[in-house]
Protein backbone atom coordinates (compact mmCIF):
# COMPACT_ATOMS: atom_id res chain seq x y z
CA MET A 1 3.33 3.44 -8.05
CA PHE A 2 0.20 2.24 -7.39
CA MET A 3 -1.47 -0.77 -6.56
CA LEU A 4 -4.63 -1.67 -6.69
CA ALA A 5 -6.61 -4.45 -5.14
CA GLU A 6 -10.28 -5.72 -4.31
CA SER A 7 -9.25 -7.44 -0.86
CA GLU A 8 -6.58 -7.22 1.81
CA HIS A 9 -5.41 -10.56 0.72
CA ASP A 10 -4.69 -9.53 -2.64
CA LEU A 11 -3.06 -6.39 -1.83
CA GLN A 12 -0.50 -8.56 -0.07
CA ASP A 13 -0.04 -10.80 -2.99
CA LEU A 14 0.63 -7.75 -4.71
CA VAL A 15 3.21 -6.37 -2.23
CA ASP A 16 5.03 -9.36 -1.69
CA HIS A 17 5.49 -9.93 -5.56
CA LEU A 18 6.66 -6.24 -5.79
CA HIS A 19 9.24 -7.31 -2.44
CA ALA A 20 10.52 -10.75 -4.55
CA ALA A 21 11.18 -9.38 -7.88
CA SER A 22 12.73 -5.65 -6.39
CA SER A 23 15.27 -8.42 -4.31
CA ARG A 24 15.46 -10.37 -7.40
CA PHE A 25 17.61 -7.08 -9.20
CA GLY A 26 18.86 -5.88 -5.69
CA LEU A 27 16.66 -2.80 -5.14
CA LYS A 28 14.73 -2.28 -2.08
CA VAL A 29 11.31 -1.08 -1.11
CA SER A 30 11.32 1.88 1.44
CA ASN A 31 9.39 0.55 4.09
CA SER A 32 9.32 4.17 5.49
CA LYS A 33 8.66 6.07 2.10
CA THR A 34 5.40 2.67 1.53
CA GLU A 35 1.74 3.86 2.81
CA VAL A 36 -1.55 1.11 2.17
CA GLN A 37 -4.99 3.57 2.00
CA CYS A 38 -7.87 1.96 1.62
CA ILE A 39 -10.56 3.73 -0.08
CA GLY A 40 -14.56 3.35 0.64
CA LYS A 41 -17.43 3.92 2.90
CA ASP A 42 -15.85 1.74 5.82
CA GLU A 43 -13.44 2.25 7.79
CA ARG A 44 -10.74 -0.82 8.05
CA LYS A 45 -7.14 -1.57 9.34
CA MET A 46 -5.27 -2.96 7.09
CA ASN A 47 -2.32 -5.19 8.09
CA ILE A 48 0.15 -4.86 5.18
CA LYS A 49 3.34 -6.11 5.82
CA LEU A 50 6.89 -5.79 3.35
CA ALA A 51 8.79 -8.42 4.29
CA THR A 52 8.23 -8.53 7.83
CA LYS A 53 7.48 -4.90 8.85
CA GLU A 54 3.88 -2.99 8.50
CA LEU A 55 3.36 -0.22 6.03
CA LYS A 56 1.72 3.16 7.25
CA GLN A 57 -1.67 3.18 6.70
CA SER A 58 -2.49 6.23 5.67
CA ASP A 59 -6.33 8.48 5.54
CA ASN A 60 -5.49 11.07 2.84
CA PHE A 61 -2.71 10.43 -0.03
CA VAL A 62 -2.12 13.93 -2.54
CA TYR A 63 -0.98 12.44 -5.70
CA LEU A 64 -0.44 14.90 -8.97
CA GLY A 65 -1.81 18.26 -6.40
CA GLY A 66 -5.41 16.06 -5.74
CA VAL A 67 -6.18 14.26 -2.44
CA ILE A 68 -7.07 10.95 -2.00
CA SER A 69 -8.86 10.55 0.55
CA ALA A 70 -10.21 6.90 2.62
CA ASP A 71 -14.09 7.93 2.24
CA SER A 72 -13.32 9.04 -1.13
CA SER A 73 -14.40 11.90 -1.03
């Protein structure tokens, strides 16, 4: 699943809503399998949390055989 947001605050809101909705149905989002990525010309550290644990920020992400990198190359 992809979640796109224009700001760190908006992304945190999306993650919080996903966590709340999944909890209502007895589902759990895995902290170890969930990562965040900031794509753009400026490298920026994001502090996105799922429940109480900070999510790992990745520089590269493989999707359908293609690599999406943080510097948008």
